[in-house]
PDB file of N, CA and C in Angstrom:
ATOM      1  N   MET A   1      29.192-130.903 -71.708  1.00  0.00           N
ATOM      2  CA  MET A   1      30.254-131.235 -70.790  1.00  0.00           C
ATOM      3  C   MET A   1      31.246-132.150 -71.500  1.00  0.00           C
ATOM      4  N   THR A   2      32.529-131.859 -71.326  1.00  0.00           N
ATOM      5  CA  THR A   2      33.586-132.595 -72.003  1.00  0.00           C
ATOM      6  C   THR A   2      34.068-133.764 -71.152  1.00  0.00           C
ATOM      7  N   LEU A   3      34.209-134.924 -71.795  1.00  0.00           N
ATOM      8  CA  LEU A   3      34.760-136.090 -71.104  1.00  0.00           C
ATOM      9  C   LEU A   3      36.245-135.888 -70.847  1.00  0.00           C
ATOM     10  N   VAL A   4      36.719-136.452 -69.750  1.00  0.00           N
ATOM     11  CA  VAL A   4      38.139-136.421 -69.409  1.00  0.00           C
ATOM     12  C   VAL A   4      38.836-137.477 -70.260  1.00  0.00           C
ATOM     13  N   SER A   5      39.968-137.105 -70.858  1.00  0.00           N
ATOM     14  CA  SER A   5      40.731-138.075 -71.647  1.00  0.00           C
ATOM     15  C   SER A   5      41.275-139.168 -70.731  1.00  0.00           C
ATOM     16  N   ALA A   6      41.629-140.289 -71.317  1.00  0.00           N
ATOM     17  CA  ALA A   6      42.178-141.400 -70.529  1.00  0.00           C
ATOM     18  C   ALA A   6      43.457-140.970 -69.820  1.00  0.00           C
ATOM     19  N   ALA A   7      44.305-140.216 -70.495  1.00  0.00           N
ATOM     20  CA  ALA A   7      45.559-139.762 -69.882  1.00  0.00           C
ATOM     21  C   ALA A   7      45.280-138.807 -68.723  1.00  0.00           C
ATOM     22  N   ASN A   8      44.340-137.894 -68.906  1.00  0.00           N
ATOM     23  CA  ASN A   8      44.003-136.947 -67.840  1.00  0.00           C
ATOM     24  C   ASN A   8      43.335-137.674 -66.672  1.00  0.00           C
ATOM     25  N   ALA A   9      42.510-138.672 -66.970  1.00  0.00           N
ATOM     26  CA  ALA A   9      41.862-139.453 -65.909  1.00  0.00           C
ATOM     27  C   ALA A   9      42.917-140.164 -65.060  1.00  0.00           C
ATOM     28  N   GLU A  10      43.916-140.737 -65.688  1.00  0.00           N
ATOM     29  CA  GLU A  10      44.977-141.424 -64.948  1.00  0.00           C
ATOM     30  C   GLU A  10      45.768-140.439 -64.104  1.00  0.00           C
ATOM     31  N   ARG A  11      46.023-139.241 -64.648  1.00  0.00           N
ATOM     32  CA  ARG A  11      46.745-138.214 -63.897  1.00  0.00           C
ATOM     33  C   ARG A  11      45.946-137.778 -62.680  1.00  0.00           C
ATOM     34  N   ARG A  12      44.653-137.527 -62.874  1.00  0.00           N
ATOM     35  CA  ARG A  12      43.800-137.110 -61.762  1.00  0.00           C
ATOM     36  C   ARG A  12      43.654-138.229 -60.735  1.00  0.00           C
ATOM     37  N   LEU A  13      43.538-139.453 -61.210  1.00  0.00           N
ATOM     38  CA  LEU A  13      43.384-140.602 -60.322  1.00  0.00           C
ATOM     39  C   LEU A  13      44.604-140.774 -59.419  1.00  0.00           C
ATOM     40  N   ALA A  14      45.773-140.470 -59.923  1.00  0.00           N
ATOM     41  CA  ALA A  14      47.002-140.605 -59.140  1.00  0.00           C
ATOM     42  C   ALA A  14      46.972-139.713 -57.895  1.00  0.00           C
ATOM     43  N   GLY A  15      46.218-138.629 -57.951  1.00  0.00           N
ATOM     44  CA  GLY A  15      46.122-137.732 -56.810  1.00  0.00           C
ATOM     45  C   GLY A  15      44.937-137.991 -55.905  1.00  0.00           C
ATOM     46  N   LEU A  16      44.212-139.053 -56.166  1.00  0.00           N
ATOM     47  CA  LEU A  16      43.012-139.377 -55.382  1.00  0.00           C
ATOM     48  C   LEU A  16      43.221-140.667 -54.603  1.00  0.00           C
ATOM     49  N   GLN A  17      43.611-140.540 -53.357  1.00  0.00           N
ATOM     50  CA  GLN A  17      43.890-141.706 -52.527  1.00  0.00           C
ATOM     51  C   GLN A  17      42.663-142.600 -52.389  1.00  0.00           C
ATOM     52  N   GLY A  18      42.835-143.877 -52.752  1.00  0.00           N
ATOM     53  CA  GLY A  18      41.807-144.884 -52.544  1.00  0.00           C
ATOM     54  C   GLY A  18      40.776-145.019 -53.650  1.00  0.00           C
ATOM     55  N   TRP A  19      40.787-144.130 -54.635  1.00  0.00           N
ATOM     56  CA  TRP A  19      39.811-144.189 -55.728  1.00  0.00           C
ATOM     57  C   TRP A  19      40.355-145.042 -56.861  1.00  0.00           C
ATOM     58  N   LYS A  20      39.439-145.639 -57.624  1.00  0.00           N
ATOM     59  CA  LYS A  20      39.812-146.400 -58.820  1.00  0.00           C
ATOM     60  C   LYS A  20      38.727-146.200 -59.869  1.00  0.00           C
ATOM     61  N   ILE A  21      39.069-146.525 -61.084  1.00  0.00           N
ATOM     62  CA  ILE A  21      38.075-146.521 -62.155  1.00  0.00           C
ATOM     63  C   ILE A  21      37.662-147.961 -62.370  1.00  0.00           C
ATOM     64  N   ASP A  22      36.359-148.198 -62.248  1.00  0.00           N
ATOM     65  CA  ASP A  22      35.800-149.543 -62.358  1.00  0.00           C
ATOM     66  C   ASP A  22      34.549-149.466 -63.218  1.00  0.00           C
ATOM     67  N   GLY A  23      34.586-150.133 -64.357  1.00  0.00           N
ATOM     68  CA  GLY A  23      33.422-150.128 -65.236  1.00  0.00           C
ATOM     69  C   GLY A  23      33.061-148.739 -65.749  1.00  0.00           C
ATOM     70  N   GLY A  24      34.064-147.887 -65.928  1.00  0.00           N
ATOM     71  CA  GLY A  24      33.839-146.541 -66.425  1.00  0.00           C
ATOM     72  C   GLY A  24      33.379-145.548 -65.372  1.00  0.00           C
ATOM     73  N   GLU A  25      33.365-145.982 -64.109  1.00  0.00           N
ATOM     74  CA  GLU A  25      32.959-145.106 -63.013  1.00  0.00           C
ATOM     75  C   GLU A  25      34.122-144.925 -62.044  1.00  0.00           C
ATOM     76  N   LEU A  26      34.134-143.793 -61.389  1.00  0.00           N
ATOM     77  CA  LEU A  26      35.116-143.494 -60.360  1.00  0.00           C
ATOM     78  C   LEU A  26      34.524-143.971 -59.037  1.00  0.00           C
ATOM     79  N   VAL A  27      35.192-144.910 -58.356  1.00  0.00           N
ATOM     80  CA  VAL A  27      34.609-145.522 -57.158  1.00  0.00           C
ATOM     81  C   VAL A  27      35.603-145.585 -55.998  1.00  0.00           C
ATOM     82  N   LYS A  28      35.028-145.523 -54.803  1.00  0.00           N
ATOM     83  CA  LYS A  28      35.814-145.706 -53.579  1.00  0.00           C
ATOM     84  C   LYS A  28      34.884-146.168 -52.468  1.00  0.00           C
ATOM     85  N   THR A  29      35.393-147.051 -51.617  1.00  0.00           N
ATOM     86  CA  THR A  29      34.681-147.461 -50.412  1.00  0.00           C
ATOM     87  C   THR A  29      35.389-146.850 -49.211  1.00  0.00           C
ATOM     88  N   PHE A  30      34.618-146.119 -48.417  1.00  0.00           N
ATOM     89  CA  PHE A  30      35.106-145.483 -47.198  1.00  0.00           C
ATOM     90  C   PHE A  30      34.674-146.345 -46.016  1.00  0.00           C
ATOM     91  N   ASN A  31      35.529-146.472 -45.016  1.00  0.00           N
ATOM     92  CA  ASN A  31      35.221-147.241 -43.814  1.00  0.00           C
ATOM     93  C   ASN A  31      35.221-146.320 -42.600  1.00  0.00           C
ATOM     94  N   PHE A  32      34.214-146.485 -41.749  1.00  0.00           N
ATOM     95  CA  PHE A  32      34.067-145.655 -40.563  1.00  0.00           C
ATOM     96  C   PHE A  32      33.944-146.546 -39.335  1.00  0.00           C
ATOM     97  N   LYS A  33      33.999-145.940 -38.148  1.00  0.00           N
ATOM     98  CA  LYS A  33      33.979-146.750 -36.927  1.00  0.00           C
ATOM     99  C   LYS A  33      32.604-147.334 -36.636  1.00  0.00           C
ATOM    100  N   ASP A  34      31.529-146.664 -37.128  1.00  0.00           N
ATOM    101  CA  ASP A  34      30.182-147.177 -36.882  1.00  0.00           C
ATOM    102  C   ASP A  34      29.196-146.555 -37.880  1.00  0.00           C
ATOM    103  N   PHE A  35      27.954-146.971 -37.782  1.00  0.00           N
ATOM    104  CA  PHE A  35      26.912-146.507 -38.697  1.00  0.00           C
ATOM    105  C   PHE A  35      26.685-145.003 -38.583  1.00  0.00           C
ATOM    106  N   ARG A  36      26.692-144.491 -37.371  1.00  0.00           N
ATOM    107  CA  ARG A  36      26.449-143.052 -37.154  1.00  0.00           C
ATOM    108  C   ARG A  36      27.489-142.207 -37.906  1.00  0.00           C
ATOM    109  N   GLU A  37      28.756-142.613 -37.823  1.00  0.00           N
ATOM    110  CA  GLU A  37      29.826-141.892 -38.509  1.00  0.00           C
ATOM    111  C   GLU A  37      29.670-142.008 -40.031  1.00  0.00           C
ATOM    112  N   ALA A  38      29.304-143.190 -40.493  1.00  0.00           N
ATOM    113  CA  ALA A  38      29.084-143.390 -41.931  1.00  0.00           C
ATOM    114  C   ALA A  38      27.941-142.518 -42.431  1.00  0.00           C
ATOM    115  N   LEU A  39      26.871-142.468 -41.669  1.00  0.00           N
ATOM    116  CA  LEU A  39      25.712-141.668 -42.051  1.00  0.00           C
ATOM    117  C   LEU A  39      26.038-140.175 -42.052  1.00  0.00           C
ATOM    118  N   ALA A  40      26.809-139.721 -41.096  1.00  0.00           N
ATOM    119  CA  ALA A  40      27.218-138.313 -41.058  1.00  0.00           C
ATOM    120  C   ALA A  40      28.041-137.964 -42.298  1.00  0.00           C
ATOM    121  N   PHE A  41      28.910-138.879 -42.713  1.00  0.00           N
ATOM    122  CA  PHE A  41      29.696-138.673 -43.931  1.00  0.00           C
ATOM    123  C   PHE A  41      28.781-138.571 -45.150  1.00  0.00           C
ATOM    124  N   VAL A  42      27.819-139.480 -45.244  1.00  0.00           N
ATOM    125  CA  VAL A  42      26.874-139.448 -46.370  1.00  0.00           C
ATOM    126  C   VAL A  42      26.146-138.107 -46.412  1.00  0.00           C
ATOM    127  N   ASN A  43      25.750-137.598 -45.271  1.00  0.00           N
ATOM    128  CA  ASN A  43      25.075-136.299 -45.228  1.00  0.00           C
ATOM    129  C   ASN A  43      25.996-135.172 -45.683  1.00  0.00           C
ATOM    130  N   ARG A  44      27.258-135.209 -45.290  1.00  0.00           N
ATOM    131  CA  ARG A  44      28.210-134.178 -45.735  1.00  0.00           C
ATOM    132  C   ARG A  44      28.417-134.250 -47.249  1.00  0.00           C
ATOM    133  N   VAL A  45      28.558-135.466 -47.765  1.00  0.00           N
ATOM    134  CA  VAL A  45      28.717-135.640 -49.211  1.00  0.00           C
ATOM    135  C   VAL A  45      27.456-135.166 -49.935  1.00  0.00           C
ATOM    136  N   GLY A  46      26.296-135.455 -49.363  1.00  0.00           N
ATOM    137  CA  GLY A  46      25.036-135.012 -49.962  1.00  0.00           C
ATOM    138  C   GLY A  46      24.960-133.503 -50.084  1.00  0.00           C
ATOM    139  N   GLU A  47      25.410-132.790 -49.057  1.00  0.00           N
ATOM    140  CA  GLU A  47      25.423-131.325 -49.103  1.00  0.00           C
ATOM    141  C   GLU A  47      26.371-130.823 -50.189  1.00  0.00           C
ATOM    142  N   ALA A  48      27.553-131.424 -50.266  1.00  0.00           N
ATOM    143  CA  ALA A  48      28.525-131.027 -51.296  1.00  0.00           C
ATOM    144  C   ALA A  48      28.000-131.338 -52.693  1.00  0.00           C
ATOM    145  N   ALA A  49      27.333-132.472 -52.841  1.00  0.00           N
ATOM    146  CA  ALA A  49      26.776-132.857 -54.139  1.00  0.00           C
ATOM    147  C   ALA A  49      25.676-131.891 -54.572  1.00  0.00           C
ATOM    148  N   GLU A  50      24.823-131.511 -53.644  1.00  0.00           N
ATOM    149  CA  GLU A  50      23.769-130.545 -53.952  1.00  0.00           C
ATOM    150  C   GLU A  50      24.371-129.216 -54.392  1.00  0.00           C
ATOM    151  N   ALA A  51      25.389-128.759 -53.671  1.00  0.00           N
ATOM    152  CA  ALA A  51      26.034-127.491 -54.006  1.00  0.00           C
ATOM    153  C   ALA A  51      26.676-127.535 -55.388  1.00  0.00           C
ATOM    154  N   ALA A  52      27.220-128.702 -55.752  1.00  0.00           N
ATOM    155  CA  ALA A  52      27.881-128.860 -57.048  1.00  0.00           C
ATOM    156  C   ALA A  52      26.898-129.186 -58.169  1.00  0.00           C
ATOM    157  N   GLY A  53      25.675-129.580 -57.800  1.00  0.00           N
ATOM    158  CA  GLY A  53      24.720-130.013 -58.820  1.00  0.00           C
ATOM    159  C   GLY A  53      25.159-131.294 -59.504  1.00  0.00           C
ATOM    160  N   HIS A  54      25.843-132.144 -58.754  1.00  0.00           N
ATOM    161  CA  HIS A  54      26.382-133.396 -59.295  1.00  0.00           C
ATOM    162  C   HIS A  54      26.276-134.459 -58.210  1.00  0.00           C
ATOM    163  N   HIS A  55      25.577-135.538 -58.475  1.00  0.00           N
ATOM    164  CA  HIS A  55      25.201-136.477 -57.420  1.00  0.00           C
ATOM    165  C   HIS A  55      25.784-137.875 -57.640  1.00  0.00           C
ATOM    166  N   PRO A  56      26.468-138.399 -56.628  1.00  0.00           N
ATOM    167  CA  PRO A  56      27.024-139.741 -56.728  1.00  0.00           C
ATOM    168  C   PRO A  56      25.966-140.805 -56.442  1.00  0.00           C
ATOM    169  N   ASP A  57      26.264-142.011 -56.878  1.00  0.00           N
ATOM    170  CA  ASP A  57      25.504-143.158 -56.395  1.00  0.00           C
ATOM    171  C   ASP A  57      26.142-143.510 -55.049  1.00  0.00           C
ATOM    172  N   ILE A  58      25.308-143.717 -54.042  1.00  0.00           N
ATOM    173  CA  ILE A  58      25.792-143.980 -52.687  1.00  0.00           C
ATOM    174  C   ILE A  58      25.218-145.298 -52.192  1.00  0.00           C
ATOM    175  N   ASP A  59      26.100-146.166 -51.715  1.00  0.00           N
ATOM    176  CA  ASP A  59      25.693-147.437 -51.121  1.00  0.00           C
ATOM    177  C   ASP A  59      26.250-147.469 -49.707  1.00  0.00           C
ATOM    178  N   ILE A  60      25.364-147.509 -48.718  1.00  0.00           N
ATOM    179  CA  ILE A  60      25.802-147.519 -47.327  1.00  0.00           C
ATOM    180  C   ILE A  60      25.478-148.890 -46.730  1.00  0.00           C
ATOM    181  N   ARG A  61      26.486-149.507 -46.142  1.00  0.00           N
ATOM    182  CA  ARG A  61      26.371-150.825 -45.519  1.00  0.00           C
ATOM    183  C   ARG A  61      26.999-150.766 -44.134  1.00  0.00           C
ATOM    184  N   TYR A  62      26.172-150.498 -43.153  1.00  0.00           N
ATOM    185  CA  TYR A  62      26.594-150.362 -41.758  1.00  0.00           C
ATOM    186  C   TYR A  62      27.677-149.301 -41.637  1.00  0.00           C
ATOM    187  N   ARG A  63      28.943-149.668 -41.628  1.00  0.00           N
ATOM    188  CA  ARG A  63      29.994-148.670 -41.443  1.00  0.00           C
ATOM    189  C   ARG A  63      30.809-148.427 -42.708  1.00  0.00           C
ATOM    190  N   ARG A  64      30.370-149.003 -43.823  1.00  0.00           N
ATOM    191  CA  ARG A  64      31.048-148.822 -45.112  1.00  0.00           C
ATOM    192  C   ARG A  64      30.154-148.010 -46.044  1.00  0.00           C
ATOM    193  N   VAL A  65      30.774-147.065 -46.740  1.00  0.00           N
ATOM    194  CA  VAL A  65      30.056-146.252 -47.719  1.00  0.00           C
ATOM    195  C   VAL A  65      30.807-146.320 -49.037  1.00  0.00           C
ATOM    196  N   ARG A  66      30.115-146.759 -50.076  1.00  0.00           N
ATOM    197  CA  ARG A  66      30.715-146.809 -51.413  1.00  0.00           C
ATOM    198  C   ARG A  66      30.124-145.681 -52.241  1.00  0.00           C
ATOM    199  N   LEU A  67      30.996-144.848 -52.783  1.00  0.00           N
ATOM    200  CA  LEU A  67      30.576-143.796 -53.691  1.00  0.00           C
ATOM    201  C   LEU A  67      30.980-144.184 -55.104  1.00  0.00           C
ATOM    202  N   SER A  68      30.101-143.913 -56.038  1.00  0.00           N
ATOM    203  CA  SER A  68      30.350-144.174 -57.445  1.00  0.00           C
ATOM    204  C   SER A  68      29.992-142.914 -58.219  1.00  0.00           C
ATOM    205  N   LEU A  69      30.941-142.430 -58.996  1.00  0.00           N
ATOM    206  CA  LEU A  69      30.758-141.180 -59.728  1.00  0.00           C
ATOM    207  C   LEU A  69      30.915-141.390 -61.232  1.00  0.00           C
ATOM    208  N   VAL A  70      29.994-140.823 -61.979  1.00  0.00           N
ATOM    209  CA  VAL A  70      30.068-140.770 -63.438  1.00  0.00           C
ATOM    210  C   VAL A  70      29.088-139.687 -63.877  1.00  0.00           C
ATOM    211  N   THR A  71      29.422-138.975 -64.921  1.00  0.00           N
ATOM    212  CA  THR A  71      28.527-137.946 -65.426  1.00  0.00           C
ATOM    213  C   THR A  71      27.660-138.594 -66.498  1.00  0.00           C
ATOM    214  N   HIS A  72      26.482-139.055 -66.098  1.00  0.00           N
ATOM    215  CA  HIS A  72      25.610-139.823 -66.986  1.00  0.00           C
ATOM    216  C   HIS A  72      25.264-139.063 -68.259  1.00  0.00           C
ATOM    217  N   ASP A  73      24.917-137.773 -68.128  1.00  0.00           N
ATOM    218  CA  ASP A  73      24.490-137.028 -69.316  1.00  0.00           C
ATOM    219  C   ASP A  73      25.637-136.754 -70.282  1.00  0.00           C
ATOM    220  N   ALA A  74      26.893-136.905 -69.837  1.00  0.00           N
ATOM    221  CA  ALA A  74      28.041-136.753 -70.724  1.00  0.00           C
ATOM    222  C   ALA A  74      28.507-138.109 -71.255  1.00  0.00           C
ATOM    223  N   GLY A  75      28.031-139.183 -70.633  1.00  0.00           N
ATOM    224  CA  GLY A  75      28.396-140.522 -71.079  1.00  0.00           C
ATOM    225  C   GLY A  75      29.748-141.002 -70.587  1.00  0.00           C
ATOM    226  N   GLY A  76      30.217-140.468 -69.454  1.00  0.00           N
ATOM    227  CA  GLY A  76      31.499-140.920 -68.912  1.00  0.00           C
ATOM    228  C   GLY A  76      31.998-139.988 -67.831  1.00  0.00           C
ATOM    229  N   LEU A  77      33.305-140.042 -67.606  1.00  0.00           N
ATOM    230  CA  LEU A  77      33.919-139.248 -66.547  1.00  0.00           C
ATOM    231  C   LEU A  77      34.236-137.832 -67.023  1.00  0.00           C
ATOM    232  N   THR A  78      33.917-136.870 -66.170  1.00  0.00           N
ATOM    233  CA  THR A  78      34.232-135.464 -66.433  1.00  0.00           C
ATOM    234  C   THR A  78      34.956-134.895 -65.216  1.00  0.00           C
ATOM    235  N   GLU A  79      35.385-133.658 -65.333  1.00  0.00           N
ATOM    236  CA  GLU A  79      36.048-132.991 -64.215  1.00  0.00           C
ATOM    237  C   GLU A  79      35.143-132.945 -62.982  1.00  0.00           C
ATOM    238  N   LYS A  80      33.817-132.877 -63.196  1.00  0.00           N
ATOM    239  CA  LYS A  80      32.882-132.866 -62.053  1.00  0.00           C
ATOM    240  C   LYS A  80      33.068-134.092 -61.167  1.00  0.00           C
ATOM    241  N   ASP A  81      33.309-135.238 -61.783  1.00  0.00           N
ATOM    242  CA  ASP A  81      33.478-136.476 -61.023  1.00  0.00           C
ATOM    243  C   ASP A  81      34.744-136.420 -60.168  1.00  0.00           C
ATOM    244  N   PHE A  82      35.832-135.971 -60.764  1.00  0.00           N
ATOM    245  CA  PHE A  82      37.092-135.896 -60.024  1.00  0.00           C
ATOM    246  C   PHE A  82      37.040-134.825 -58.945  1.00  0.00           C
ATOM    247  N   ASP A  83      36.358-133.719 -59.228  1.00  0.00           N
ATOM    248  CA  ASP A  83      36.219-132.665 -58.210  1.00  0.00           C
ATOM    249  C   ASP A  83      35.412-133.149 -57.011  1.00  0.00           C
ATOM    250  N   LEU A  84      34.318-133.874 -57.264  1.00  0.00           N
ATOM    251  CA  LEU A  84      33.504-134.374 -56.158  1.00  0.00           C
ATOM    252  C   LEU A  84      34.261-135.464 -55.385  1.00  0.00           C
ATOM    253  N   ALA A  85      35.029-136.282 -56.080  1.00  0.00           N
ATOM    254  CA  ALA A  85      35.860-137.295 -55.402  1.00  0.00           C
ATOM    255  C   ALA A  85      36.873-136.631 -54.475  1.00  0.00           C
ATOM    256  N   THR A  86      37.501-135.571 -54.940  1.00  0.00           N
ATOM    257  CA  THR A  86      38.443-134.820 -54.112  1.00  0.00           C
ATOM    258  C   THR A  86      37.747-134.267 -52.877  1.00  0.00           C
ATOM    259  N   GLY A  87      36.552-133.720 -53.078  1.00  0.00           N
ATOM    260  CA  GLY A  87      35.786-133.194 -51.963  1.00  0.00           C
ATOM    261  C   GLY A  87      35.379-134.271 -50.970  1.00  0.00           C
ATOM    262  N   ALA A  88      35.010-135.440 -51.473  1.00  0.00           N
ATOM    263  CA  ALA A  88      34.610-136.547 -50.590  1.00  0.00           C
ATOM    264  C   ALA A  88      35.793-136.982 -49.726  1.00  0.00           C
ATOM    265  N   ASN A  89      36.976-137.041 -50.308  1.00  0.00           N
ATOM    266  CA  ASN A  89      38.164-137.401 -49.509  1.00  0.00           C
ATOM    267  C   ASN A  89      38.374-136.403 -48.385  1.00  0.00           C
ATOM    268  N   THR A  90      38.171-135.139 -48.675  1.00  0.00           N
ATOM    269  CA  THR A  90      38.326-134.098 -47.660  1.00  0.00           C
ATOM    270  C   THR A  90      37.269-134.241 -46.576  1.00  0.00           C
ATOM    271  N   LEU A  91      36.045-134.569 -46.962  1.00  0.00           N
ATOM    272  CA  LEU A  91      34.940-134.698 -46.011  1.00  0.00           C
ATOM    273  C   LEU A  91      35.052-135.926 -45.126  1.00  0.00           C
ATOM    274  N   ALA A  92      35.780-136.928 -45.587  1.00  0.00           N
ATOM    275  CA  ALA A  92      35.933-138.149 -44.799  1.00  0.00           C
ATOM    276  C   ALA A  92      36.850-137.898 -43.628  1.00  0.00           C
TER     277      ALA A  92
END
């Protein structure tokens, strides 16, 4: 798997509302009205991640969900990370 260049990462990031690169990972915190809504989102993301064969780190805190994406076996960010981030925005 090929790493995304810094220039391509910045270009892709510009189209991803609310996401940032932090510590080499693509991250975003989503806010929901309550725990039930946050949990439903996590389940939708889980289904999309399974289908893609690419799994985010997920931290759920009551009504906040933080997703962190990086392709560990490639050693950084790949198109898989940006594609799953795009999908997560749609699922939210």
